[in-house]
């Protein structure tokens, strides 16, 4: 398995006009702020976009972006396994914004959606507290719920993957509407 090429935010900004930028975050995260010109194709929808991404990669370089760089690295590896060479943005949109580059927010976006990492922290913390509370007031075996979440977090850190994020991505507020993804794929074909 190859390591994806990484561009730092300064390199990517200088080449924005020649890159096809694919943001693999959830639609809510994307709406909260994305690199200008980025197309939103959530990580779990890459299979559907594979033919269009393959064509885009043949005509120019594709830059895959997420919040911190972890999901985009996974996406780049998956795409490489399918013959699509891509690059990732080192540090993701967090690094992009930290260097003072603008993030685009669509008109009509009332409030920023929570990022996936924040959703995972809220869910994990809530389940741990629930397990501890139930173990105190219902039955001590509920501590296993908290221990299971702790084990999942350790596994997530070691493997650089997150099962809880994969589950949360399936919630309605994190899912693209079919029409939105169809429109994104049409824009990708016309780039």
N, C-alpha and C. Protein backbone atom coordinates (compact mmCIF):
# COMPACT_ATOMS: atom_id res chain seq x y z
N UNK A 1 0.85 -1.17 0.00
CA UNK A 1 0.00 0.00 0.00
C UNK A 1 0.90 1.24 0.00
N UNK A 2 0.57 2.21 -0.84
CA UNK A 2 1.40 3.39 -0.95
C UNK A 2 0.92 4.49 -0.01
N UNK A 3 1.86 5.33 0.39
CA UNK A 3 1.53 6.48 1.20
C UNK A 3 1.12 7.61 0.26
N UNK A 4 -0.02 8.26 0.53
CA UNK A 4 -0.47 9.32 -0.38
C UNK A 4 0.47 10.52 -0.35
N UNK A 5 0.56 11.19 -1.49
CA UNK A 5 1.30 12.44 -1.58
C UNK A 5 0.56 13.47 -0.76
N UNK A 6 1.30 14.29 -0.04
CA UNK A 6 0.67 15.33 0.79
C UNK A 6 1.14 16.70 0.33
N UNK A 7 0.21 17.61 0.21
CA UNK A 7 0.52 19.02 -0.07
C UNK A 7 0.24 19.81 1.19
N UNK A 8 1.13 20.74 1.53
CA UNK A 8 0.82 21.59 2.67
C UNK A 8 -0.12 22.69 2.18
N UNK A 9 -0.81 23.38 3.09
CA UNK A 9 -1.79 24.39 2.67
C UNK A 9 -1.23 25.47 1.75
N UNK A 10 0.00 25.90 1.96
CA UNK A 10 0.58 26.93 1.07
C UNK A 10 0.71 26.40 -0.35
N UNK A 11 1.20 25.16 -0.49
CA UNK A 11 1.34 24.56 -1.82
C UNK A 11 -0.03 24.42 -2.49
N UNK A 12 -1.00 23.94 -1.72
CA UNK A 12 -2.34 23.74 -2.28
C UNK A 12 -2.96 25.07 -2.70
N UNK A 13 -2.80 26.10 -1.88
CA UNK A 13 -3.40 27.41 -2.21
C UNK A 13 -2.80 27.97 -3.49
N UNK A 14 -1.51 27.79 -3.67
CA UNK A 14 -0.86 28.29 -4.88
C UNK A 14 -1.33 27.55 -6.13
N UNK A 15 -1.85 26.35 -5.95
CA UNK A 15 -2.26 25.53 -7.09
C UNK A 15 -3.77 25.31 -7.17
N UNK A 16 -4.56 26.08 -6.43
CA UNK A 16 -6.01 25.89 -6.41
C UNK A 16 -6.62 25.84 -7.80
N UNK A 17 -6.14 26.71 -8.69
CA UNK A 17 -6.72 26.81 -10.03
C UNK A 17 -6.49 25.56 -10.88
N UNK A 18 -5.53 24.73 -10.52
CA UNK A 18 -5.23 23.55 -11.32
C UNK A 18 -5.61 22.23 -10.65
N UNK A 19 -6.15 22.30 -9.45
CA UNK A 19 -6.51 21.09 -8.70
C UNK A 19 -8.01 20.85 -8.73
N UNK A 20 -8.39 19.58 -8.76
CA UNK A 20 -9.77 19.19 -8.48
C UNK A 20 -9.77 18.80 -7.00
N UNK A 21 -10.52 19.55 -6.19
CA UNK A 21 -10.51 19.34 -4.74
C UNK A 21 -11.77 18.59 -4.34
N UNK A 22 -11.56 17.46 -3.66
CA UNK A 22 -12.66 16.62 -3.20
C UNK A 22 -12.63 16.59 -1.67
N UNK A 23 -13.70 17.08 -1.07
CA UNK A 23 -13.83 17.12 0.39
C UNK A 23 -14.63 15.90 0.81
N UNK A 24 -14.01 15.00 1.60
CA UNK A 24 -14.65 13.73 1.97
C UNK A 24 -15.37 13.78 3.32
N UNK A 25 -15.54 14.98 3.87
CA UNK A 25 -16.27 15.11 5.14
C UNK A 25 -17.77 14.97 4.90
N UNK A 26 -18.51 14.91 5.99
CA UNK A 26 -19.96 14.82 5.88
C UNK A 26 -20.50 16.14 5.32
N UNK A 27 -21.71 16.12 4.75
CA UNK A 27 -22.30 17.37 4.23
C UNK A 27 -22.40 18.47 5.27
N UNK A 28 -22.71 18.12 6.50
CA UNK A 28 -22.79 19.13 7.56
C UNK A 28 -21.45 19.79 7.82
N UNK A 29 -20.40 18.98 7.89
CA UNK A 29 -19.06 19.53 8.10
C UNK A 29 -18.66 20.41 6.92
N UNK A 30 -18.95 19.95 5.72
CA UNK A 30 -18.63 20.69 4.49
C UNK A 30 -19.32 22.05 4.50
N UNK A 31 -20.61 22.07 4.88
CA UNK A 31 -21.38 23.31 4.91
C UNK A 31 -20.83 24.28 5.96
N UNK A 32 -20.19 23.75 6.99
CA UNK A 32 -19.62 24.59 8.03
C UNK A 32 -18.39 25.37 7.58
N UNK A 33 -17.82 25.02 6.45
CA UNK A 33 -16.67 25.72 5.89
C UNK A 33 -15.78 24.77 5.14
N UNK A 34 -15.52 25.09 3.87
CA UNK A 34 -14.68 24.23 3.04
C UNK A 34 -13.78 25.08 2.15
N UNK A 35 -12.77 24.46 1.59
CA UNK A 35 -11.84 25.14 0.70
C UNK A 35 -12.62 25.60 -0.53
N UNK A 36 -12.42 26.84 -0.97
CA UNK A 36 -13.16 27.32 -2.14
C UNK A 36 -12.99 26.38 -3.34
N UNK A 37 -14.11 26.05 -3.95
CA UNK A 37 -14.10 25.18 -5.12
C UNK A 37 -14.14 23.70 -4.82
N UNK A 38 -14.10 23.32 -3.54
CA UNK A 38 -14.09 21.91 -3.18
C UNK A 38 -15.45 21.28 -3.48
N UNK A 39 -15.41 20.03 -3.92
CA UNK A 39 -16.60 19.24 -4.18
C UNK A 39 -16.80 18.28 -3.02
N UNK A 40 -18.01 18.19 -2.50
CA UNK A 40 -18.29 17.33 -1.35
C UNK A 40 -18.72 15.94 -1.80
N UNK A 41 -17.83 14.97 -1.60
CA UNK A 41 -18.14 13.56 -1.83
C UNK A 41 -17.74 12.84 -0.55
N UNK A 42 -18.72 12.59 0.34
CA UNK A 42 -18.40 11.96 1.62
C UNK A 42 -17.65 10.64 1.44
N UNK A 43 -16.80 10.35 2.40
CA UNK A 43 -15.93 9.17 2.34
C UNK A 43 -16.70 7.91 1.99
N UNK A 44 -17.87 7.72 2.57
CA UNK A 44 -18.61 6.49 2.31
C UNK A 44 -19.32 6.49 0.95
N UNK A 45 -19.18 7.56 0.19
CA UNK A 45 -19.78 7.65 -1.15
C UNK A 45 -18.73 7.59 -2.26
N UNK A 46 -17.46 7.40 -1.90
CA UNK A 46 -16.40 7.40 -2.90
C UNK A 46 -16.58 6.30 -3.94
N UNK A 47 -17.09 5.16 -3.54
CA UNK A 47 -17.30 4.08 -4.51
C UNK A 47 -18.20 4.54 -5.65
N UNK A 48 -19.25 5.25 -5.30
CA UNK A 48 -20.19 5.74 -6.32
C UNK A 48 -19.51 6.74 -7.25
N UNK A 49 -18.58 7.51 -6.74
CA UNK A 49 -17.92 8.54 -7.52
C UNK A 49 -16.66 8.04 -8.24
N UNK A 50 -16.29 6.80 -8.03
CA UNK A 50 -15.02 6.27 -8.54
C UNK A 50 -14.80 6.51 -10.04
N UNK A 51 -15.76 6.21 -10.91
CA UNK A 51 -15.51 6.46 -12.34
C UNK A 51 -15.21 7.93 -12.64
N UNK A 52 -15.96 8.84 -12.02
CA UNK A 52 -15.74 10.27 -12.26
C UNK A 52 -14.42 10.74 -11.67
N UNK A 53 -14.05 10.20 -10.51
CA UNK A 53 -12.76 10.56 -9.91
C UNK A 53 -11.60 10.03 -10.76
N UNK A 54 -11.76 8.84 -11.33
CA UNK A 54 -10.73 8.28 -12.20
C UNK A 54 -10.52 9.19 -13.42
N UNK A 55 -11.61 9.65 -14.01
CA UNK A 55 -11.52 10.56 -15.16
C UNK A 55 -10.87 11.88 -14.76
N UNK A 56 -11.27 12.43 -13.62
CA UNK A 56 -10.69 13.70 -13.15
C UNK A 56 -9.19 13.55 -12.91
N UNK A 57 -8.76 12.42 -12.36
CA UNK A 57 -7.34 12.20 -12.08
C UNK A 57 -6.54 12.05 -13.37
N UNK A 58 -7.17 11.63 -14.45
CA UNK A 58 -6.47 11.50 -15.73
C UNK A 58 -6.24 12.85 -16.40
N UNK A 59 -7.09 13.83 -16.06
CA UNK A 59 -6.97 15.15 -16.68
C UNK A 59 -6.24 16.17 -15.81
N UNK A 60 -6.04 15.88 -14.55
CA UNK A 60 -5.34 16.79 -13.65
C UNK A 60 -5.24 16.18 -12.27
N UNK A 61 -4.54 16.88 -11.38
CA UNK A 61 -4.33 16.33 -10.04
C UNK A 61 -5.57 16.51 -9.17
N UNK A 62 -5.88 15.48 -8.39
CA UNK A 62 -7.01 15.50 -7.46
C UNK A 62 -6.45 15.62 -6.04
N UNK A 63 -6.95 16.60 -5.31
CA UNK A 63 -6.55 16.82 -3.92
C UNK A 63 -7.73 16.42 -3.04
N UNK A 64 -7.50 15.47 -2.12
CA UNK A 64 -8.54 15.00 -1.22
C UNK A 64 -8.35 15.68 0.13
N UNK A 65 -9.47 16.19 0.68
CA UNK A 65 -9.42 17.02 1.89
C UNK A 65 -10.43 16.51 2.91
N UNK A 66 -10.07 16.62 4.19
CA UNK A 66 -11.01 16.39 5.29
C UNK A 66 -10.68 17.41 6.39
N UNK A 67 -11.13 17.16 7.59
CA UNK A 67 -10.91 18.12 8.68
C UNK A 67 -9.46 18.15 9.14
N UNK A 68 -8.85 16.97 9.33
CA UNK A 68 -7.50 16.92 9.90
C UNK A 68 -6.48 16.20 9.02
N UNK A 69 -6.94 15.49 8.02
CA UNK A 69 -6.04 14.74 7.14
C UNK A 69 -6.18 13.23 7.27
N UNK A 70 -6.78 12.73 8.35
CA UNK A 70 -6.87 11.27 8.55
C UNK A 70 -7.83 10.63 7.56
N UNK A 71 -9.04 11.18 7.42
CA UNK A 71 -10.00 10.60 6.48
C UNK A 71 -9.53 10.74 5.05
N UNK A 72 -8.88 11.86 4.73
CA UNK A 72 -8.42 12.04 3.35
C UNK A 72 -7.29 11.07 3.03
N UNK A 73 -6.43 10.76 4.00
CA UNK A 73 -5.39 9.75 3.76
C UNK A 73 -6.02 8.39 3.50
N UNK A 74 -7.05 8.04 4.27
CA UNK A 74 -7.76 6.78 4.03
C UNK A 74 -8.40 6.78 2.65
N UNK A 75 -9.00 7.90 2.27
CA UNK A 75 -9.62 8.00 0.95
C UNK A 75 -8.58 7.85 -0.15
N UNK A 76 -7.43 8.49 0.02
CA UNK A 76 -6.36 8.40 -0.99
C UNK A 76 -5.89 6.96 -1.15
N UNK A 77 -5.75 6.25 -0.04
CA UNK A 77 -5.34 4.85 -0.12
C UNK A 77 -6.38 4.00 -0.84
N UNK A 78 -7.65 4.23 -0.51
CA UNK A 78 -8.72 3.48 -1.16
C UNK A 78 -8.75 3.78 -2.66
N UNK A 79 -8.59 5.04 -3.01
CA UNK A 79 -8.59 5.41 -4.42
C UNK A 79 -7.37 4.83 -5.14
N UNK A 80 -6.21 4.84 -4.47
CA UNK A 80 -5.01 4.25 -5.08
C UNK A 80 -5.20 2.76 -5.35
N UNK A 81 -5.88 2.06 -4.46
CA UNK A 81 -6.17 0.64 -4.68
C UNK A 81 -7.04 0.43 -5.91
N UNK A 82 -7.75 1.48 -6.32
CA UNK A 82 -8.61 1.42 -7.51
C UNK A 82 -8.00 2.15 -8.70
N UNK A 83 -6.69 2.39 -8.63
CA UNK A 83 -5.98 2.99 -9.76
C UNK A 83 -6.12 4.48 -9.92
N UNK A 84 -6.55 5.18 -8.88
CA UNK A 84 -6.72 6.63 -8.94
C UNK A 84 -5.66 7.28 -8.07
N UNK A 85 -4.71 7.99 -8.69
CA UNK A 85 -3.67 8.67 -7.93
C UNK A 85 -4.19 10.03 -7.47
N UNK A 86 -4.05 10.28 -6.17
CA UNK A 86 -4.51 11.54 -5.58
C UNK A 86 -3.48 12.03 -4.57
N UNK A 87 -3.70 13.24 -4.10
CA UNK A 87 -2.88 13.80 -3.02
C UNK A 87 -3.82 14.19 -1.89
N UNK A 88 -3.27 14.36 -0.70
CA UNK A 88 -4.06 14.80 0.46
C UNK A 88 -3.53 16.14 0.96
N UNK A 89 -4.40 16.89 1.60
CA UNK A 89 -3.99 18.16 2.20
C UNK A 89 -3.48 17.89 3.60
N UNK A 90 -2.22 18.11 3.84
CA UNK A 90 -1.61 17.88 5.16
C UNK A 90 -2.31 18.76 6.20
N UNK A 91 -2.86 18.12 7.21
CA UNK A 91 -3.53 18.85 8.29
C UNK A 91 -4.97 19.22 7.98
N UNK A 92 -5.45 18.95 6.78
CA UNK A 92 -6.84 19.19 6.41
C UNK A 92 -7.26 20.64 6.47
N UNK A 93 -8.59 20.84 6.53
CA UNK A 93 -9.11 22.20 6.55
C UNK A 93 -8.72 22.93 7.84
N UNK A 94 -8.41 22.18 8.89
CA UNK A 94 -7.94 22.82 10.12
C UNK A 94 -6.63 23.55 9.89
N UNK A 95 -5.69 22.90 9.21
CA UNK A 95 -4.40 23.53 8.90
C UNK A 95 -4.59 24.66 7.90
N UNK A 96 -5.49 24.47 6.95
CA UNK A 96 -5.79 25.50 5.94
C UNK A 96 -6.24 26.79 6.65
N UNK A 97 -7.21 26.66 7.55
CA UNK A 97 -7.73 27.83 8.26
C UNK A 97 -6.71 28.41 9.22
N UNK A 98 -5.90 27.55 9.86
CA UNK A 98 -4.89 28.02 10.81
C UNK A 98 -3.83 28.88 10.12
N UNK A 99 -3.62 28.65 8.83
CA UNK A 99 -2.65 29.47 8.09
C UNK A 99 -3.30 30.74 7.52
N UNK A 100 -4.54 30.98 7.90
CA UNK A 100 -5.21 32.22 7.51
C UNK A 100 -5.91 32.18 6.17
N UNK A 101 -6.04 31.01 5.56
CA UNK A 101 -6.73 30.90 4.28
C UNK A 101 -8.23 30.83 4.52
N UNK A 102 -8.98 31.42 3.61
CA UNK A 102 -10.43 31.48 3.76
C UNK A 102 -11.09 30.13 3.54
N UNK A 103 -12.18 29.92 4.27
CA UNK A 103 -13.07 28.79 4.04
C UNK A 103 -14.37 29.33 3.49
N UNK A 104 -14.90 28.65 2.50
CA UNK A 104 -16.17 29.05 1.89
C UNK A 104 -17.32 28.46 2.69
N UNK A 105 -18.31 29.29 2.97
CA UNK A 105 -19.53 28.84 3.64
C UNK A 105 -20.70 29.19 2.74
N UNK A 106 -21.47 28.19 2.33
CA UNK A 106 -22.58 28.46 1.40
C UNK A 106 -23.59 29.45 1.96
N UNK A 107 -24.22 30.21 1.06
CA UNK A 107 -25.28 31.13 1.46
C UNK A 107 -26.40 30.34 2.12
N UNK A 108 -27.01 30.92 3.12
CA UNK A 108 -28.14 30.28 3.78
C UNK A 108 -27.72 29.32 4.88
N UNK A 109 -26.42 29.15 5.11
CA UNK A 109 -25.97 28.29 6.20
C UNK A 109 -26.14 29.08 7.48
N UNK A 110 -27.08 28.66 8.30
CA UNK A 110 -27.38 29.40 9.53
C UNK A 110 -26.33 29.18 10.60
N UNK A 111 -25.99 27.94 10.82
CA UNK A 111 -24.99 27.66 11.85
C UNK A 111 -24.12 26.51 11.39
N UNK A 112 -22.91 26.50 11.84
CA UNK A 112 -21.99 25.45 11.45
C UNK A 112 -22.37 24.14 12.12
N UNK A 113 -22.35 23.08 11.34
CA UNK A 113 -22.61 21.75 11.90
C UNK A 113 -21.38 21.31 12.69
N UNK A 114 -21.60 20.47 13.64
CA UNK A 114 -20.47 19.96 14.41
C UNK A 114 -19.63 19.06 13.53
N UNK A 115 -18.32 19.17 13.67
CA UNK A 115 -17.41 18.28 12.97
C UNK A 115 -17.53 16.87 13.51
N UNK A 116 -17.09 15.90 12.72
CA UNK A 116 -17.22 14.50 13.11
C UNK A 116 -16.46 14.21 14.40
N UNK A 117 -15.26 14.77 14.56
CA UNK A 117 -14.50 14.52 15.78
C UNK A 117 -15.27 15.02 17.02
N UNK A 118 -15.93 16.16 16.89
CA UNK A 118 -16.71 16.69 18.01
C UNK A 118 -17.91 15.79 18.29
N UNK A 119 -18.56 15.29 17.23
CA UNK A 119 -19.69 14.38 17.41
C UNK A 119 -19.24 13.10 18.11
N UNK A 120 -18.07 12.59 17.74
CA UNK A 120 -17.55 11.37 18.37
C UNK A 120 -17.25 11.63 19.84
N UNK A 121 -16.62 12.76 20.15
CA UNK A 121 -16.31 13.07 21.55
C UNK A 121 -17.58 13.16 22.39
N UNK A 122 -18.63 13.84 21.85
CA UNK A 122 -19.89 13.96 22.58
C UNK A 122 -20.51 12.57 22.80
N UNK A 123 -20.55 11.76 21.76
CA UNK A 123 -21.18 10.45 21.87
C UNK A 123 -20.40 9.55 22.83
N UNK A 124 -19.09 9.49 22.66
CA UNK A 124 -18.27 8.64 23.53
C UNK A 124 -18.38 9.08 24.98
N UNK A 125 -18.27 10.38 25.23
CA UNK A 125 -18.38 10.88 26.60
C UNK A 125 -19.74 10.60 27.21
N UNK A 126 -20.79 10.76 26.41
CA UNK A 126 -22.15 10.50 26.90
C UNK A 126 -22.34 9.04 27.26
N UNK A 127 -21.83 8.13 26.41
CA UNK A 127 -21.99 6.71 26.69
C UNK A 127 -21.18 6.30 27.91
N UNK A 128 -19.98 6.86 28.07
CA UNK A 128 -19.18 6.56 29.26
C UNK A 128 -19.91 7.02 30.52
N UNK A 129 -20.43 8.26 30.50
CA UNK A 129 -21.17 8.75 31.67
C UNK A 129 -22.42 7.92 31.93
N UNK A 130 -23.12 7.52 30.87
CA UNK A 130 -24.29 6.67 31.03
C UNK A 130 -23.92 5.33 31.68
N UNK A 131 -22.84 4.73 31.21
CA UNK A 131 -22.38 3.46 31.77
C UNK A 131 -22.02 3.60 33.24
N UNK A 132 -21.32 4.68 33.58
CA UNK A 132 -20.95 4.89 34.99
C UNK A 132 -22.18 5.14 35.86
N UNK A 133 -23.13 5.94 35.36
CA UNK A 133 -24.34 6.21 36.12
C UNK A 133 -25.17 4.95 36.33
N UNK A 134 -25.34 4.18 35.25
CA UNK A 134 -26.11 2.94 35.37
C UNK A 134 -25.42 1.93 36.28
N UNK A 135 -24.07 1.93 36.27
CA UNK A 135 -23.37 0.98 37.14
C UNK A 135 -23.54 1.35 38.61
N UNK A 136 -23.71 2.62 38.89
CA UNK A 136 -23.90 3.05 40.28
C UNK A 136 -25.33 2.83 40.76
N UNK A 137 -26.29 3.10 39.89
CA UNK A 137 -27.69 3.08 40.33
C UNK A 137 -28.48 1.85 39.90
N UNK A 138 -28.00 1.09 38.91
CA UNK A 138 -28.76 -0.07 38.43
C UNK A 138 -28.03 -1.37 38.70
N UNK A 139 -26.85 -1.52 38.08
CA UNK A 139 -26.08 -2.76 38.25
C UNK A 139 -24.63 -2.48 37.89
N UNK A 140 -23.68 -2.99 38.69
CA UNK A 140 -22.25 -2.74 38.43
C UNK A 140 -21.77 -3.22 37.06
N UNK A 141 -22.46 -4.15 36.45
CA UNK A 141 -22.04 -4.66 35.14
C UNK A 141 -22.08 -3.59 34.05
N UNK A 142 -22.82 -2.53 34.27
CA UNK A 142 -22.89 -1.46 33.26
C UNK A 142 -21.55 -0.73 33.09
N UNK A 143 -20.60 -0.97 34.02
CA UNK A 143 -19.25 -0.41 33.84
C UNK A 143 -18.63 -0.93 32.57
N UNK A 144 -19.05 -2.12 32.14
CA UNK A 144 -18.52 -2.71 30.90
C UNK A 144 -18.83 -1.83 29.69
N UNK A 145 -19.94 -1.11 29.74
CA UNK A 145 -20.28 -0.18 28.66
C UNK A 145 -19.20 0.89 28.55
N UNK A 146 -18.82 1.46 29.67
CA UNK A 146 -17.76 2.48 29.68
C UNK A 146 -16.43 1.89 29.26
N UNK A 147 -16.14 0.68 29.73
CA UNK A 147 -14.89 0.02 29.35
C UNK A 147 -14.86 -0.28 27.85
N UNK A 148 -16.00 -0.64 27.29
CA UNK A 148 -16.07 -0.91 25.85
C UNK A 148 -15.77 0.34 25.03
N UNK A 149 -16.30 1.46 25.45
CA UNK A 149 -16.02 2.72 24.75
C UNK A 149 -14.54 3.07 24.88
N UNK A 150 -13.97 2.91 26.07
CA UNK A 150 -12.54 3.18 26.26
C UNK A 150 -11.69 2.30 25.35
N UNK A 151 -12.03 1.02 25.28
CA UNK A 151 -11.31 0.11 24.39
C UNK A 151 -11.45 0.51 22.93
N UNK A 152 -12.65 0.95 22.56
CA UNK A 152 -12.87 1.41 21.18
C UNK A 152 -12.05 2.64 20.85
N UNK A 153 -11.92 3.55 21.80
CA UNK A 153 -11.10 4.75 21.58
C UNK A 153 -9.63 4.40 21.42
N UNK A 154 -9.14 3.46 22.22
CA UNK A 154 -7.74 3.02 22.09
C UNK A 154 -7.54 2.37 20.72
N UNK A 155 -8.46 1.48 20.33
CA UNK A 155 -8.37 0.82 19.02
C UNK A 155 -8.39 1.85 17.90
N UNK A 156 -9.25 2.85 18.04
CA UNK A 156 -9.36 3.91 17.05
C UNK A 156 -8.03 4.66 16.89
N UNK A 157 -7.39 4.96 18.00
CA UNK A 157 -6.11 5.68 17.95
C UNK A 157 -5.01 4.82 17.33
N UNK A 158 -4.97 3.55 17.68
CA UNK A 158 -3.93 2.66 17.16
C UNK A 158 -4.09 2.41 15.67
N UNK A 159 -5.33 2.24 15.20
CA UNK A 159 -5.56 1.92 13.79
C UNK A 159 -5.82 3.14 12.92
N UNK A 160 -5.94 4.32 13.53
CA UNK A 160 -6.26 5.55 12.82
C UNK A 160 -7.56 5.41 12.03
N UNK A 161 -8.51 4.72 12.63
CA UNK A 161 -9.85 4.58 12.05
C UNK A 161 -10.84 4.80 13.19
N UNK A 162 -12.10 4.97 12.85
CA UNK A 162 -13.07 5.21 13.92
C UNK A 162 -14.41 4.61 13.55
N UNK A 163 -14.73 3.52 14.19
CA UNK A 163 -16.01 2.86 13.97
C UNK A 163 -17.18 3.73 14.39
N UNK A 164 -17.01 4.49 15.47
CA UNK A 164 -18.09 5.35 15.94
C UNK A 164 -18.36 6.45 14.91
N UNK A 165 -17.31 7.00 14.31
CA UNK A 165 -17.50 8.01 13.27
C UNK A 165 -18.22 7.41 12.07
N UNK A 166 -17.89 6.18 11.73
CA UNK A 166 -18.57 5.52 10.61
C UNK A 166 -20.06 5.36 10.90
N UNK A 167 -20.40 5.04 12.15
CA UNK A 167 -21.81 4.92 12.52
C UNK A 167 -22.50 6.28 12.54
N UNK A 168 -21.84 7.28 13.11
CA UNK A 168 -22.43 8.62 13.16
C UNK A 168 -22.61 9.22 11.77
N UNK A 169 -21.74 8.86 10.84
CA UNK A 169 -21.84 9.37 9.47
C UNK A 169 -23.13 8.91 8.79
N UNK A 170 -23.74 7.86 9.32
CA UNK A 170 -24.98 7.35 8.73
C UNK A 170 -26.23 8.07 9.24
N UNK A 171 -26.08 8.94 10.23
CA UNK A 171 -27.23 9.70 10.73
C UNK A 171 -27.70 10.69 9.66
N UNK A 172 -28.99 11.00 9.64
CA UNK A 172 -29.54 11.84 8.56
C UNK A 172 -28.84 13.18 8.37
N UNK A 173 -28.46 13.86 9.46
CA UNK A 173 -27.82 15.17 9.31
C UNK A 173 -26.40 15.07 8.75
N UNK A 174 -25.83 13.88 8.72
CA UNK A 174 -24.50 13.68 8.16
C UNK A 174 -24.53 13.06 6.77
N UNK A 175 -25.70 12.81 6.22
CA UNK A 175 -25.83 12.14 4.93
C UNK A 175 -26.14 13.14 3.83
N UNK A 176 -25.55 12.97 2.66
CA UNK A 176 -25.92 13.85 1.54
C UNK A 176 -27.27 13.41 0.98
N UNK A 177 -28.03 14.38 0.53
CA UNK A 177 -29.25 14.02 -0.20
C UNK A 177 -28.80 13.52 -1.57
N UNK A 178 -29.51 12.57 -2.13
CA UNK A 178 -29.15 11.99 -3.42
C UNK A 178 -28.98 13.08 -4.47
N UNK A 179 -29.89 14.05 -4.47
CA UNK A 179 -29.82 15.13 -5.46
C UNK A 179 -28.54 15.94 -5.30
N UNK A 180 -28.10 16.17 -4.06
CA UNK A 180 -26.87 16.92 -3.82
C UNK A 180 -25.65 16.17 -4.36
N UNK A 181 -25.58 14.86 -4.10
CA UNK A 181 -24.46 14.08 -4.59
C UNK A 181 -24.49 13.99 -6.11
N UNK A 182 -25.67 13.84 -6.70
CA UNK A 182 -25.78 13.82 -8.17
C UNK A 182 -25.27 15.13 -8.75
N UNK A 183 -25.64 16.26 -8.14
CA UNK A 183 -25.18 17.57 -8.61
C UNK A 183 -23.66 17.70 -8.48
N UNK A 184 -23.11 17.20 -7.37
CA UNK A 184 -21.66 17.24 -7.17
C UNK A 184 -20.94 16.42 -8.24
N UNK A 185 -21.46 15.23 -8.52
CA UNK A 185 -20.83 14.38 -9.55
C UNK A 185 -20.94 15.03 -10.93
N UNK A 186 -22.02 15.72 -11.21
CA UNK A 186 -22.15 16.45 -12.48
C UNK A 186 -21.11 17.57 -12.56
N UNK A 187 -20.90 18.29 -11.46
CA UNK A 187 -19.86 19.33 -11.43
C UNK A 187 -18.48 18.72 -11.63
N UNK A 188 -18.23 17.55 -11.04
CA UNK A 188 -16.94 16.87 -11.19
C UNK A 188 -16.72 16.50 -12.66
N UNK A 189 -17.75 16.04 -13.32
CA UNK A 189 -17.63 15.67 -14.75
C UNK A 189 -17.34 16.90 -15.61
N UNK A 190 -17.81 18.06 -15.19
CA UNK A 190 -17.64 19.29 -15.99
C UNK A 190 -16.38 20.07 -15.64
N UNK A 191 -15.60 19.60 -14.65
CA UNK A 191 -14.36 20.31 -14.29
C UNK A 191 -13.32 20.17 -15.36
